[in-house]
Amino acid sequence: MIKSFKQLDGILRGDATRMSAIKDGRIETPIGGLSVVTVFLGAVYGVCMGAYAVIRTGGTDNDAYMQMLASAVKLPLLFFLTLAVTLPSLYVFNALVGSRLSVVSVIRLLVAMLGVMLAVLASFGPIIVFFSVSTESYPFMKLLNVLAAAMAGVLGLAFLLRTLHRLILAQEVIDTPQQLMEALEDDGDESDDEGAEENPAGVLDTVGEGTSNRARSVFRVWVIVFSLVGAQMSWVLRPFIGKPDMPFTWFRERDSNFFIDVLDAIAKLFGA
């Protein structure tokens, strides 16, 4: 476990994703240990979310402790289910832009991204507990948790985009010597256009600066997809905080959606 935390620390500091570390065009982040640490950090934040129910009831209601337990279980589940739903689309996007990352490499990268997200989220845990103690406003606590998750998501997805860009650049550097050798062996009979077709590239562009720029654009689309799926997944798995005037349940009925509920919480918070 300690080794896995050190690996996560290396990811947070950027040591695991520097160009020197991925110069072979692959990311060597371990999946198993990092997944365990990610689940642990998610559970920590889940406990902090559920603390509102315990504090709100004065610690005398068994349902409040069940809410804390449920949040600790469902918070890591939220992120990994979102990952499972969006993984195929990322792999297809990855292939479209000409990156030759394998399925395993893509999974490693996504687990590293979840590690970043949940490390940031867990760091917000004490803040969530502080406001749980200092306020009784359920809409405020709901929006505070949404804001914390949004900030963690932005940082995690920014890490993903930067690392994907570096991996694509590293692959281009690897390809360059081979392309030069092929050019030297060319007898000059083939046209430049024919030679360009031999460049390793995706269907969207040729390898080079254009690929990197277009890759960023394509992956930004995936970031939007991931964000939307994650937001709605949190709605499907609710409750996480525990509404004071409702009995404990593992899951609520599937009415409305995440975005309407956030707007409703904002309206209630400001008395609209």
Protein backbone atom coordinates (compact mmCIF):
# COMPACT_ATOMS: atom_id res chain seq x y z
CA MET A 1 0.00 0.00 0.00
CA ILE A 2 2.83 2.40 0.90
CA LYS A 3 4.49 1.65 -2.43
CA SER A 4 1.22 2.41 -4.24
CA PHE A 5 0.89 5.72 -2.43
CA LYS A 6 4.43 6.60 -3.50
CA GLN A 7 3.49 5.75 -7.09
CA LEU A 8 0.47 8.02 -6.84
CA ASP A 9 2.67 10.74 -5.38
CA GLY A 10 4.95 10.37 -8.39
CA ILE A 11 1.96 10.82 -10.70
CA LEU A 12 0.78 13.91 -8.82
CA ARG A 13 4.27 15.43 -9.00
CA GLY A 14 4.52 14.60 -12.71
CA ASP A 15 7.48 12.24 -12.35
CA ALA A 16 5.63 9.30 -13.92
CA THR A 17 4.48 11.26 -16.98
CA ARG A 18 7.54 13.33 -17.88
CA MET A 19 8.77 12.99 -21.47
CA SER A 20 11.84 11.16 -20.15
CA ALA A 21 9.61 8.58 -18.45
CA ILE A 22 7.38 7.95 -21.48
CA LYS A 23 10.03 8.30 -24.19
CA ASP A 24 9.12 4.83 -25.49
CA GLY A 25 5.56 5.97 -26.11
CA ARG A 26 4.08 3.96 -23.25
CA ILE A 27 2.96 4.66 -19.72
CA GLU A 28 4.06 2.11 -17.13
CA THR A 29 1.68 3.04 -14.32
CA PRO A 30 0.71 -0.11 -12.37
CA ILE A 31 -3.01 -0.86 -12.42
CA GLY A 32 -3.49 -3.07 -9.36
CA GLY A 33 -1.86 -1.09 -6.56
CA LEU A 34 -3.01 2.26 -7.90
CA SER A 35 -6.60 0.98 -8.16
CA VAL A 36 -6.55 -0.07 -4.50
CA VAL A 37 -5.26 3.36 -3.44
CA THR A 38 -7.87 5.05 -5.64
CA VAL A 39 -10.69 3.02 -4.06
CA PHE A 40 -9.35 3.88 -0.60
CA LEU A 41 -9.23 7.61 -1.35
CA GLY A 42 -12.74 7.47 -2.78
CA ALA A 43 -13.98 5.73 0.35
CA VAL A 44 -12.34 8.41 2.51
CA TYR A 45 -14.18 11.15 0.67
CA GLY A 46 -17.39 9.10 0.82
CA VAL A 47 -17.11 8.98 4.61
CA CYS A 48 -16.62 12.74 4.65
CA MET A 49 -19.76 13.19 2.53
CA GLY A 50 -21.77 10.89 4.78
CA ALA A 51 -20.54 12.74 7.86
CA TYR A 52 -23.21 15.38 7.19
CA ALA A 53 -25.98 12.88 7.99
CA VAL A 54 -24.25 11.75 11.20
CA ILE A 55 -23.59 15.29 12.39
CA ARG A 56 -27.09 16.43 11.41
CA THR A 57 -28.68 13.74 13.60
CA GLY A 58 -26.24 14.12 16.46
CA GLY A 59 -24.87 10.63 15.94
CA THR A 60 -27.96 8.97 17.42
CA ASP A 61 -29.54 7.65 14.21
CA ASN A 62 -28.34 4.32 12.85
CA ASP A 63 -29.56 5.32 9.39
CA ALA A 64 -27.02 8.15 9.41
CA TYR A 65 -24.18 5.68 9.88
CA MET A 66 -25.63 3.53 7.11
CA GLN A 67 -25.57 6.61 4.88
CA MET A 68 -21.90 7.12 5.70
CA LEU A 69 -21.17 3.49 4.85
CA ALA A 70 -23.18 3.69 1.62
CA SER A 71 -21.33 6.84 0.54
CA ALA A 72 -17.97 5.20 1.23
CA VAL A 73 -18.95 2.27 -0.99
CA LYS A 74 -20.65 4.19 -3.79
CA LEU A 75 -18.16 7.04 -4.26
CA PRO A 76 -15.36 4.84 -5.68
CA LEU A 77 -18.01 2.88 -7.58
CA LEU A 78 -19.19 6.10 -9.22
CA PHE A 79 -15.79 6.81 -10.75
CA PHE A 80 -15.01 3.27 -11.85
CA LEU A 81 -18.45 2.77 -13.43
CA THR A 82 -18.01 6.05 -15.30
CA LEU A 83 -14.62 4.80 -16.45
CA ALA A 84 -16.12 1.49 -17.63
CA VAL A 85 -18.87 3.25 -19.61
CA THR A 86 -16.52 5.71 -21.34
CA LEU A 87 -13.45 3.48 -21.87
CA PRO A 88 -14.55 2.11 -25.29
CA SER A 89 -15.13 5.62 -26.66
CA LEU A 90 -11.70 6.80 -25.49
CA TYR A 91 -10.01 3.84 -27.12
CA VAL A 92 -11.79 4.55 -30.42
CA PHE A 93 -10.89 8.26 -30.20
CA ASN A 94 -7.30 7.22 -29.42
CA ALA A 95 -7.19 5.09 -32.59
CA LEU A 96 -8.78 7.80 -34.74
CA VAL A 97 -6.03 10.32 -34.03
CA GLY A 98 -3.26 7.85 -34.85
CA SER A 99 -2.07 7.07 -31.34
CA ARG A 100 -1.02 3.43 -31.01
CA LEU A 101 -1.63 3.07 -27.31
CA SER A 102 -2.78 -0.43 -26.49
CA VAL A 103 -5.93 -1.18 -24.50
CA VAL A 104 -3.78 -1.89 -21.43
CA SER A 105 -1.96 1.44 -21.82
CA VAL A 106 -5.25 3.29 -22.12
CA ILE A 107 -6.56 1.58 -18.97
CA ARG A 108 -3.36 2.43 -17.11
CA LEU A 109 -3.68 6.04 -18.13
CA LEU A 110 -7.33 6.20 -17.05
CA VAL A 111 -6.59 4.59 -13.68
CA ALA A 112 -3.85 7.19 -13.19
CA MET A 113 -6.41 9.88 -14.06
CA LEU A 114 -8.82 8.48 -11.45
CA GLY A 115 -5.98 8.47 -8.94
CA VAL A 116 -5.44 12.19 -9.56
CA MET A 117 -9.17 12.93 -9.32
CA LEU A 118 -9.72 11.03 -6.09
CA ALA A 119 -6.53 12.33 -4.49
CA VAL A 120 -7.80 15.87 -5.08
CA LEU A 121 -11.27 14.91 -3.89
CA ALA A 122 -9.97 13.24 -0.72
CA SER A 123 -7.95 16.36 0.03
CA PHE A 124 -11.25 18.27 0.10
CA GLY A 125 -12.64 15.84 2.69
CA PRO A 126 -11.74 17.87 5.79
CA ILE A 127 -13.34 20.93 4.19
CA ILE A 128 -16.56 18.99 3.61
CA VAL A 129 -16.58 17.82 7.24
CA PHE A 130 -15.93 21.37 8.46
CA PHE A 131 -18.94 22.73 6.59
CA SER A 132 -21.03 19.74 7.71
CA VAL A 133 -20.37 20.85 11.28
CA SER A 134 -20.88 24.56 10.67
CA THR A 135 -24.06 24.54 8.56
CA GLU A 136 -27.39 22.74 8.42
CA SER A 137 -28.23 23.74 4.86
CA TYR A 138 -28.71 20.62 2.74
CA PRO A 139 -28.76 22.51 -0.60
CA PHE A 140 -25.49 24.22 0.33
CA MET A 141 -23.82 20.90 1.20
CA LYS A 142 -25.07 19.37 -2.04
CA LEU A 143 -23.64 22.22 -4.13
CA LEU A 144 -20.40 22.22 -2.15
CA ASN A 145 -19.87 18.55 -2.97
CA VAL A 146 -20.74 19.17 -6.62
CA LEU A 147 -18.15 21.97 -6.72
CA ALA A 148 -15.49 19.77 -5.09
CA ALA A 149 -16.17 16.96 -7.57
CA ALA A 150 -16.06 19.42 -10.48
CA MET A 151 -12.69 20.79 -9.40
CA ALA A 152 -11.28 17.28 -8.98
CA GLY A 153 -12.66 16.35 -12.39
CA VAL A 154 -11.12 19.35 -14.12
CA LEU A 155 -7.68 18.62 -12.67
CA GLY A 156 -7.91 14.90 -13.45
CA LEU A 157 -9.04 15.45 -17.04
CA ALA A 158 -6.37 18.12 -17.55
CA PHE A 159 -3.82 15.52 -16.45
CA LEU A 160 -5.28 13.08 -18.98
CA LEU A 161 -5.10 15.53 -21.89
CA ARG A 162 -1.52 16.57 -21.09
CA THR A 163 -0.35 12.98 -20.77
CA LEU A 164 -2.09 11.87 -23.97
CA HIS A 165 -0.42 14.74 -25.81
CA ARG A 166 2.98 13.76 -24.45
CA LEU A 167 2.45 10.12 -25.41
CA ILE A 168 1.55 11.08 -28.97
CA LEU A 169 4.62 13.32 -29.20
CA ALA A 170 6.79 10.52 -27.80
CA GLN A 171 5.45 8.12 -30.42
CA GLU A 172 6.22 10.64 -33.17
CA VAL A 173 9.82 10.89 -31.92
CA ILE A 174 10.08 7.09 -31.98
CA ASP A 175 8.74 6.98 -35.52
CA THR A 176 11.16 9.62 -36.85
CA PRO A 177 14.34 7.47 -37.12
CA GLN A 178 12.41 4.75 -38.94
CA GLN A 179 10.91 7.24 -41.35
CA LEU A 180 14.34 8.74 -42.04
CA MET A 181 15.78 5.29 -42.75
CA GLU A 182 12.95 4.52 -45.16
CA ALA A 183 13.54 7.86 -46.91
CA LEU A 184 17.27 7.14 -47.32
CA GLU A 185 16.54 3.74 -48.81
CA ASP A 186 13.98 5.16 -51.21
CA ASP A 187 15.30 5.12 -54.79
CA GLY A 188 13.48 8.34 -55.56
CA ASP A 189 10.94 6.77 -57.89
CA GLU A 190 8.02 7.20 -55.46
CA SER A 191 6.27 10.51 -55.19
CA ASP A 192 6.09 12.55 -51.99
CA ASP A 193 2.40 11.79 -51.74
CA GLU A 194 3.05 8.05 -51.82
CA GLY A 195 5.67 8.41 -49.13
CA ALA A 196 3.30 10.43 -47.00
CA GLU A 197 0.78 7.60 -47.10
CA GLU A 198 3.30 5.34 -45.36
CA ASN A 199 3.52 7.62 -42.33
CA PRO A 200 1.86 6.04 -39.29
CA ALA A 201 -1.26 8.09 -38.68
CA GLY A 202 -4.88 7.86 -37.78
CA VAL A 203 -7.72 8.45 -40.19
CA LEU A 204 -8.09 12.05 -39.06
CA ASP A 205 -4.66 13.40 -39.91
CA THR A 206 -1.01 12.69 -40.69
CA VAL A 207 1.65 12.49 -38.02
CA GLY A 208 3.09 15.82 -36.99
CA GLU A 209 2.04 19.01 -35.32
CA GLY A 210 -1.38 18.78 -36.97
CA THR A 211 -1.98 15.39 -35.36
CA SER A 212 -1.15 16.70 -31.91
CA ASN A 213 -3.46 19.68 -32.29
CA ARG A 214 -6.29 17.61 -33.72
CA ALA A 215 -5.77 14.95 -31.06
CA ARG A 216 -6.29 17.54 -28.35
CA SER A 217 -9.50 18.66 -30.02
CA VAL A 218 -10.81 15.11 -30.33
CA PHE A 219 -9.93 14.22 -26.76
CA ARG A 220 -11.61 17.38 -25.49
CA VAL A 221 -14.81 15.99 -26.98
CA TRP A 222 -14.25 12.82 -24.95
CA VAL A 223 -13.70 14.92 -21.83
CA ILE A 224 -17.19 16.37 -22.30
CA VAL A 225 -18.59 12.86 -22.74
CA PHE A 226 -16.84 11.66 -19.56
CA SER A 227 -18.13 14.66 -17.60
CA LEU A 228 -21.72 14.16 -18.71
CA VAL A 229 -21.66 10.43 -17.97
CA GLY A 230 -20.05 11.03 -14.57
CA ALA A 231 -22.61 13.65 -13.63
CA GLN A 232 -25.57 11.46 -14.55
CA MET A 233 -23.94 8.40 -12.95
CA SER A 234 -23.82 10.30 -9.65
CA TRP A 235 -27.56 10.89 -10.04
CA VAL A 236 -28.22 7.20 -10.66
CA LEU A 237 -26.21 6.17 -7.57
CA ARG A 238 -27.61 8.82 -5.22
CA PRO A 239 -27.99 9.54 -2.33
CA PHE A 240 -24.47 10.35 -1.19
CA ILE A 241 -25.13 12.98 1.47
CA GLY A 242 -28.46 11.91 2.92
CA LYS A 243 -31.48 14.21 2.83
CA PRO A 244 -32.55 15.04 6.41
CA ASP A 245 -36.31 14.60 5.85
CA MET A 246 -36.03 11.28 3.98
CA PRO A 247 -35.31 7.76 5.32
CA PHE A 248 -32.09 6.02 4.41
CA THR A 249 -32.01 4.05 1.19
CA TRP A 250 -29.17 2.77 -0.93
CA PHE A 251 -30.69 4.17 -4.13
CA ARG A 252 -33.42 6.69 -4.96
CA GLU A 253 -36.01 6.41 -7.71
CA ARG A 254 -34.80 7.50 -11.15
CA ASP A 255 -36.73 10.72 -11.58
CA SER A 256 -35.49 13.98 -13.13
CA ASN A 257 -31.70 14.23 -13.76
CA PHE A 258 -28.50 15.61 -12.28
CA PHE A 259 -28.60 19.01 -13.95
CA ILE A 260 -32.19 19.83 -13.02
CA ASP A 261 -31.46 18.83 -9.43
CA VAL A 262 -28.43 21.14 -9.28
CA LEU A 263 -30.53 24.05 -10.58
CA ASP A 264 -33.20 23.21 -7.98
CA ALA A 265 -30.56 23.21 -5.21
CA ILE A 266 -29.31 26.62 -6.35
CA ALA A 267 -32.85 27.97 -6.32
CA LYS A 268 -33.48 26.64 -2.81
CA LEU A 269 -30.15 27.95 -1.52
CA PHE A 270 -30.92 31.48 -2.65
CA GLY A 271 -34.59 31.29 -1.70
CA ALA A 272 -35.96 31.40 -5.23
